[in-house]
């Protein structure tokens, strides 16, 4: 799917993430982004990955756990919407998700493998969508969303957090 979603395909705070998603073939961009992120994680030390730039902020490990968890949620929403399910899908509490897992006890290698598996599942889902499915709309977090908008959210959300890691954690 090459075309960016129209303004009628998303709302709320999702626009920030969609604006960050790259132009062009989204599936290819997500594939490259996934490879880049695995390399980035592999270039960190365990000490760096436990760093918090403020005491009440997530560690880098928690950020990468959050990215993978959010992609799981967004991919599930995308699946439901792409298949024509119009049941409103609830939001999720990201703080609860991070607090519910002990990312600090996992190695960077484990976090990278988990992220890569999630991304591969997302790519497999996206490659199987018909043009019609990409354009289907549903409701997620009280917002009308298309399947293609959710795919852009996955990419943009990750880029948002990578920028924060680079600017606030590793600068």
C-alpha atoms as a PDB file:
ATOM      1  CA  UNK A   1       0.000   0.000   0.000  1.00  0.00           C
ATOM      2  CA  UNK A   2       1.662   3.155  -1.190  1.00  0.00           C
ATOM      3  CA  UNK A   3      -0.861   5.917  -0.504  1.00  0.00           C
ATOM      4  CA  UNK A   4      -0.873   7.609   2.876  1.00  0.00           C
ATOM      5  CA  UNK A   5      -4.165   7.544   4.744  1.00  0.00           C
ATOM      6  CA  UNK A   6      -6.523  10.447   4.300  1.00  0.00           C
ATOM      7  CA  UNK A   7      -7.514  12.653   7.218  1.00  0.00           C
ATOM      8  CA  UNK A   8     -10.848  10.799   7.403  1.00  0.00           C
ATOM      9  CA  UNK A   9      -9.012   7.538   8.192  1.00  0.00           C
ATOM     10  CA  UNK A  10      -7.693   8.469  11.631  1.00  0.00           C
ATOM     11  CA  UNK A  11      -8.080  10.969  14.401  1.00  0.00           C
ATOM     12  CA  UNK A  12      -6.848  12.086  17.747  1.00  0.00           C
ATOM     13  CA  UNK A  13      -3.226  11.722  18.714  1.00  0.00           C
ATOM     14  CA  UNK A  14      -2.636   9.139  15.976  1.00  0.00           C
ATOM     15  CA  UNK A  15      -1.929  11.950  13.491  1.00  0.00           C
ATOM     16  CA  UNK A  16       1.481  12.562  15.080  1.00  0.00           C
ATOM     17  CA  UNK A  17       2.562   8.974  14.434  1.00  0.00           C
ATOM     18  CA  UNK A  18       1.131   8.901  10.914  1.00  0.00           C
ATOM     19  CA  UNK A  19       3.058  12.077  10.046  1.00  0.00           C
ATOM     20  CA  UNK A  20       6.292  10.329  11.088  1.00  0.00           C
ATOM     21  CA  UNK A  21       5.671   7.258   8.921  1.00  0.00           C
ATOM     22  CA  UNK A  22       7.785   7.264   5.769  1.00  0.00           C
ATOM     23  CA  UNK A  23       6.356   7.940   2.330  1.00  0.00           C
ATOM     24  CA  UNK A  24       6.296   5.183  -0.265  1.00  0.00           C
ATOM     25  CA  UNK A  25       5.767   1.457   0.052  1.00  0.00           C
ATOM     26  CA  UNK A  26       4.811   0.990   3.692  1.00  0.00           C
ATOM     27  CA  UNK A  27       5.508  -2.739   3.780  1.00  0.00           C
ATOM     28  CA  UNK A  28       9.037  -2.235   2.473  1.00  0.00           C
ATOM     29  CA  UNK A  29       9.561   0.679   4.876  1.00  0.00           C
ATOM     30  CA  UNK A  30       8.430  -1.456   7.838  1.00  0.00           C
ATOM     31  CA  UNK A  31      10.752  -4.256   6.747  1.00  0.00           C
ATOM     32  CA  UNK A  32      13.760  -1.887   6.572  1.00  0.00           C
ATOM     33  CA  UNK A  33      12.742  -0.173   9.798  1.00  0.00           C
ATOM     34  CA  UNK A  34      12.596  -3.529  11.565  1.00  0.00           C
ATOM     35  CA  UNK A  35      16.071  -4.477  10.356  1.00  0.00           C
ATOM     36  CA  UNK A  36      17.436  -1.081  11.442  1.00  0.00           C
ATOM     37  CA  UNK A  37      15.850  -1.366  14.874  1.00  0.00           C
ATOM     38  CA  UNK A  38      17.248  -4.852  15.501  1.00  0.00           C
ATOM     39  CA  UNK A  39      20.717  -3.529  14.565  1.00  0.00           C
ATOM     40  CA  UNK A  40      20.206  -0.513  16.836  1.00  0.00           C
ATOM     41  CA  UNK A  41      19.233  -2.700  19.800  1.00  0.00           C
ATOM     42  CA  UNK A  42      22.245  -4.924  19.094  1.00  0.00           C
ATOM     43  CA  UNK A  43      24.542  -1.901  19.288  1.00  0.00           C
ATOM     44  CA  UNK A  44      23.524  -1.071  22.850  1.00  0.00           C
ATOM     45  CA  UNK A  45      25.156  -2.331  26.014  1.00  0.00           C
ATOM     46  CA  UNK A  46      23.138  -3.830  28.835  1.00  0.00           C
ATOM     47  CA  UNK A  47      24.191  -0.849  30.976  1.00  0.00           C
ATOM     48  CA  UNK A  48      22.906   1.646  28.394  1.00  0.00           C
ATOM     49  CA  UNK A  49      19.657  -0.291  28.060  1.00  0.00           C
ATOM     50  CA  UNK A  50      18.897   0.066  31.773  1.00  0.00           C
ATOM     51  CA  UNK A  51      19.391   3.856  31.670  1.00  0.00           C
ATOM     52  CA  UNK A  52      16.523   6.230  32.451  1.00  0.00           C
ATOM     53  CA  UNK A  53      16.983   9.880  31.547  1.00  0.00           C
ATOM     54  CA  UNK A  54      14.798  10.789  34.544  1.00  0.00           C
ATOM     55  CA  UNK A  55      13.904   8.611  37.524  1.00  0.00           C
ATOM     56  CA  UNK A  56      10.211   8.346  36.578  1.00  0.00           C
ATOM     57  CA  UNK A  57      10.848   7.544  32.889  1.00  0.00           C
ATOM     58  CA  UNK A  58      11.091   4.105  31.326  1.00  0.00           C
ATOM     59  CA  UNK A  59      14.464   2.480  30.764  1.00  0.00           C
ATOM     60  CA  UNK A  60      15.564   1.856  27.190  1.00  0.00           C
ATOM     61  CA  UNK A  61      14.663  -1.820  27.680  1.00  0.00           C
ATOM     62  CA  UNK A  62      11.177  -0.766  28.739  1.00  0.00           C
ATOM     63  CA  UNK A  63      10.889   1.510  25.707  1.00  0.00           C
ATOM     64  CA  UNK A  64      11.665  -1.402  23.371  1.00  0.00           C
ATOM     65  CA  UNK A  65       9.254  -3.639  25.271  1.00  0.00           C
ATOM     66  CA  UNK A  66       6.619  -0.936  24.885  1.00  0.00           C
ATOM     67  CA  UNK A  67       7.290  -0.655  21.139  1.00  0.00           C
ATOM     68  CA  UNK A  68       6.787  -4.416  20.666  1.00  0.00           C
ATOM     69  CA  UNK A  69       3.667  -4.507  22.861  1.00  0.00           C
ATOM     70  CA  UNK A  70       2.133  -1.532  21.060  1.00  0.00           C
ATOM     71  CA  UNK A  71       2.816  -3.129  17.685  1.00  0.00           C
ATOM     72  CA  UNK A  72       1.037  -6.274  18.901  1.00  0.00           C
ATOM     73  CA  UNK A  73      -2.000  -4.226  19.917  1.00  0.00           C
ATOM     74  CA  UNK A  74      -2.037  -2.155  16.719  1.00  0.00           C
ATOM     75  CA  UNK A  75      -1.610  -5.267  14.540  1.00  0.00           C
ATOM     76  CA  UNK A  76      -4.521  -6.930  16.310  1.00  0.00           C
ATOM     77  CA  UNK A  77      -6.653  -3.855  15.700  1.00  0.00           C
ATOM     78  CA  UNK A  78      -5.493  -3.776  12.077  1.00  0.00           C
ATOM     79  CA  UNK A  79      -6.421  -7.461  11.634  1.00  0.00           C
ATOM     80  CA  UNK A  80      -9.903  -6.964  13.045  1.00  0.00           C
ATOM     81  CA  UNK A  81     -10.572  -3.867  10.940  1.00  0.00           C
ATOM     82  CA  UNK A  82      -9.059  -5.312   7.753  1.00  0.00           C
ATOM     83  CA  UNK A  83     -11.287  -8.379   8.089  1.00  0.00           C
ATOM     84  CA  UNK A  84     -14.369  -6.184   8.332  1.00  0.00           C
ATOM     85  CA  UNK A  85     -15.017  -6.422  12.075  1.00  0.00           C
ATOM     86  CA  UNK A  86     -16.655  -3.157  13.125  1.00  0.00           C
ATOM     87  CA  UNK A  87     -16.774  -3.950  16.846  1.00  0.00           C
ATOM     88  CA  UNK A  88     -15.319  -0.931  18.687  1.00  0.00           C
ATOM     89  CA  UNK A  89     -11.883  -1.845  20.031  1.00  0.00           C
ATOM     90  CA  UNK A  90     -10.849  -0.398  23.386  1.00  0.00           C
ATOM     91  CA  UNK A  91      -7.681   1.480  24.197  1.00  0.00           C
ATOM     92  CA  UNK A  92      -4.973   0.046  26.414  1.00  0.00           C
ATOM     93  CA  UNK A  93      -2.974   1.350  29.338  1.00  0.00           C
ATOM     94  CA  UNK A  94       0.667   1.505  28.236  1.00  0.00           C
ATOM     95  CA  UNK A  95       1.850   2.145  31.786  1.00  0.00           C
ATOM     96  CA  UNK A  96       0.102  -1.019  32.966  1.00  0.00           C
ATOM     97  CA  UNK A  97       1.637  -3.016  30.113  1.00  0.00           C
ATOM     98  CA  UNK A  98       5.169  -1.856  30.966  1.00  0.00           C
ATOM     99  CA  UNK A  99       4.662  -2.341  34.696  1.00  0.00           C
ATOM    100  CA  UNK A 100       3.232  -5.826  34.053  1.00  0.00           C
ATOM    101  CA  UNK A 101       6.437  -7.099  32.464  1.00  0.00           C
ATOM    102  CA  UNK A 102       9.946  -7.142  33.875  1.00  0.00           C
ATOM    103  CA  UNK A 103      11.835  -5.927  30.823  1.00  0.00           C
ATOM    104  CA  UNK A 104      14.931  -5.197  32.910  1.00  0.00           C
ATOM    105  CA  UNK A 105      15.387  -8.932  33.522  1.00  0.00           C
ATOM    106  CA  UNK A 106      15.421  -9.702  29.802  1.00  0.00           C
ATOM    107  CA  UNK A 107      18.594  -9.447  27.747  1.00  0.00           C
ATOM    108  CA  UNK A 108      18.865  -7.106  24.792  1.00  0.00           C
ATOM    109  CA  UNK A 109      19.151 -10.192  22.596  1.00  0.00           C
ATOM    110  CA  UNK A 110      15.818 -11.472  23.939  1.00  0.00           C
ATOM    111  CA  UNK A 111      14.150  -8.081  23.448  1.00  0.00           C
ATOM    112  CA  UNK A 112      15.506  -7.820  19.899  1.00  0.00           C
ATOM    113  CA  UNK A 113      14.262 -11.342  19.075  1.00  0.00           C
ATOM    114  CA  UNK A 114      10.833 -10.556  20.493  1.00  0.00           C
ATOM    115  CA  UNK A 115      10.617  -7.310  18.542  1.00  0.00           C
ATOM    116  CA  UNK A 116      11.767  -9.059  15.325  1.00  0.00           C
ATOM    117  CA  UNK A 117       9.118 -11.773  15.747  1.00  0.00           C
ATOM    118  CA  UNK A 118       6.394  -9.186  16.241  1.00  0.00           C
ATOM    119  CA  UNK A 119       7.549  -7.231  13.180  1.00  0.00           C
ATOM    120  CA  UNK A 120       7.675 -10.389  11.067  1.00  0.00           C
ATOM    121  CA  UNK A 121       4.104 -11.235  12.081  1.00  0.00           C
ATOM    122  CA  UNK A 122       2.995  -7.706  11.182  1.00  0.00           C
ATOM    123  CA  UNK A 123       4.678  -7.934   7.776  1.00  0.00           C
ATOM    124  CA  UNK A 124       3.080 -11.321   7.085  1.00  0.00           C
ATOM    125  CA  UNK A 125      -0.332  -9.866   7.933  1.00  0.00           C
ATOM    126  CA  UNK A 126       0.174  -6.791   5.760  1.00  0.00           C
ATOM    127  CA  UNK A 127       1.448  -8.751   2.761  1.00  0.00           C
ATOM    128  CA  UNK A 128      -1.765 -10.771   2.747  1.00  0.00           C
ATOM    129  CA  UNK A 129      -4.161  -7.816   2.697  1.00  0.00           C
ATOM    130  CA  UNK A 130      -6.219  -6.991  -0.369  1.00  0.00           C
ATOM    131  CA  UNK A 131      -6.437  -3.379  -1.545  1.00  0.00           C
ATOM    132  CA  UNK A 132      -9.982  -3.321  -0.196  1.00  0.00           C
ATOM    133  CA  UNK A 133      -8.880  -4.538   3.241  1.00  0.00           C
ATOM    134  CA  UNK A 134      -6.288  -1.751   3.544  1.00  0.00           C
ATOM    135  CA  UNK A 135      -9.095   0.802   3.205  1.00  0.00           C
ATOM    136  CA  UNK A 136     -11.596  -0.742   5.627  1.00  0.00           C
ATOM    137  CA  UNK A 137     -12.413   1.336   8.677  1.00  0.00           C
ATOM    138  CA  UNK A 138     -13.345   0.531  12.233  1.00  0.00           C
ATOM    139  CA  UNK A 139     -13.148   2.069  15.664  1.00  0.00           C
ATOM    140  CA  UNK A 140     -10.116   1.831  17.939  1.00  0.00           C
ATOM    141  CA  UNK A 141      -9.669   3.907  21.094  1.00  0.00           C
ATOM    142  CA  UNK A 142     -12.889   5.776  20.289  1.00  0.00           C
ATOM    143  CA  UNK A 143     -11.405   6.882  16.949  1.00  0.00           C
ATOM    144  CA  UNK A 144     -12.283   5.906  13.394  1.00  0.00           C
ATOM    145  CA  UNK A 145      -9.245   4.174  11.915  1.00  0.00           C
ATOM    146  CA  UNK A 146      -8.481   2.467   8.617  1.00  0.00           C
ATOM    147  CA  UNK A 147      -6.233  -0.563   8.368  1.00  0.00           C
ATOM    148  CA  UNK A 148      -3.642   1.464   6.453  1.00  0.00           C
ATOM    149  CA  UNK A 149      -3.713   4.207   9.085  1.00  0.00           C
ATOM    150  CA  UNK A 150      -2.933   1.607  11.738  1.00  0.00           C
ATOM    151  CA  UNK A 151       0.003   0.337   9.673  1.00  0.00           C
ATOM    152  CA  UNK A 152       1.328   3.907   9.559  1.00  0.00           C
ATOM    153  CA  UNK A 153       0.793   4.242  13.311  1.00  0.00           C
ATOM    154  CA  UNK A 154       2.964   1.157  13.876  1.00  0.00           C
ATOM    155  CA  UNK A 155       5.814   2.730  11.930  1.00  0.00           C
ATOM    156  CA  UNK A 156       5.421   6.260  13.280  1.00  0.00           C
ATOM    157  CA  UNK A 157       5.035   5.149  16.893  1.00  0.00           C
ATOM    158  CA  UNK A 158       8.324   3.279  16.704  1.00  0.00           C
ATOM    159  CA  UNK A 159      10.092   6.217  15.035  1.00  0.00           C
ATOM    160  CA  UNK A 160       8.725   8.545  17.732  1.00  0.00           C
ATOM    161  CA  UNK A 161      10.284   6.427  20.470  1.00  0.00           C
ATOM    162  CA  UNK A 162      13.567   5.892  18.612  1.00  0.00           C
ATOM    163  CA  UNK A 163      13.959   9.663  18.339  1.00  0.00           C
ATOM    164  CA  UNK A 164      13.379  10.014  22.072  1.00  0.00           C
ATOM    165  CA  UNK A 165      15.924   7.266  22.831  1.00  0.00           C
ATOM    166  CA  UNK A 166      18.534   8.936  20.627  1.00  0.00           C
ATOM    167  CA  UNK A 167      17.866  12.492  21.859  1.00  0.00           C
ATOM    168  CA  UNK A 168      17.214  11.951  25.570  1.00  0.00           C
ATOM    169  CA  UNK A 169      18.860   8.675  26.524  1.00  0.00           C
ATOM    170  CA  UNK A 170      21.968   8.465  24.360  1.00  0.00           C
ATOM    171  CA  UNK A 171      22.816  12.119  23.637  1.00  0.00           C
END
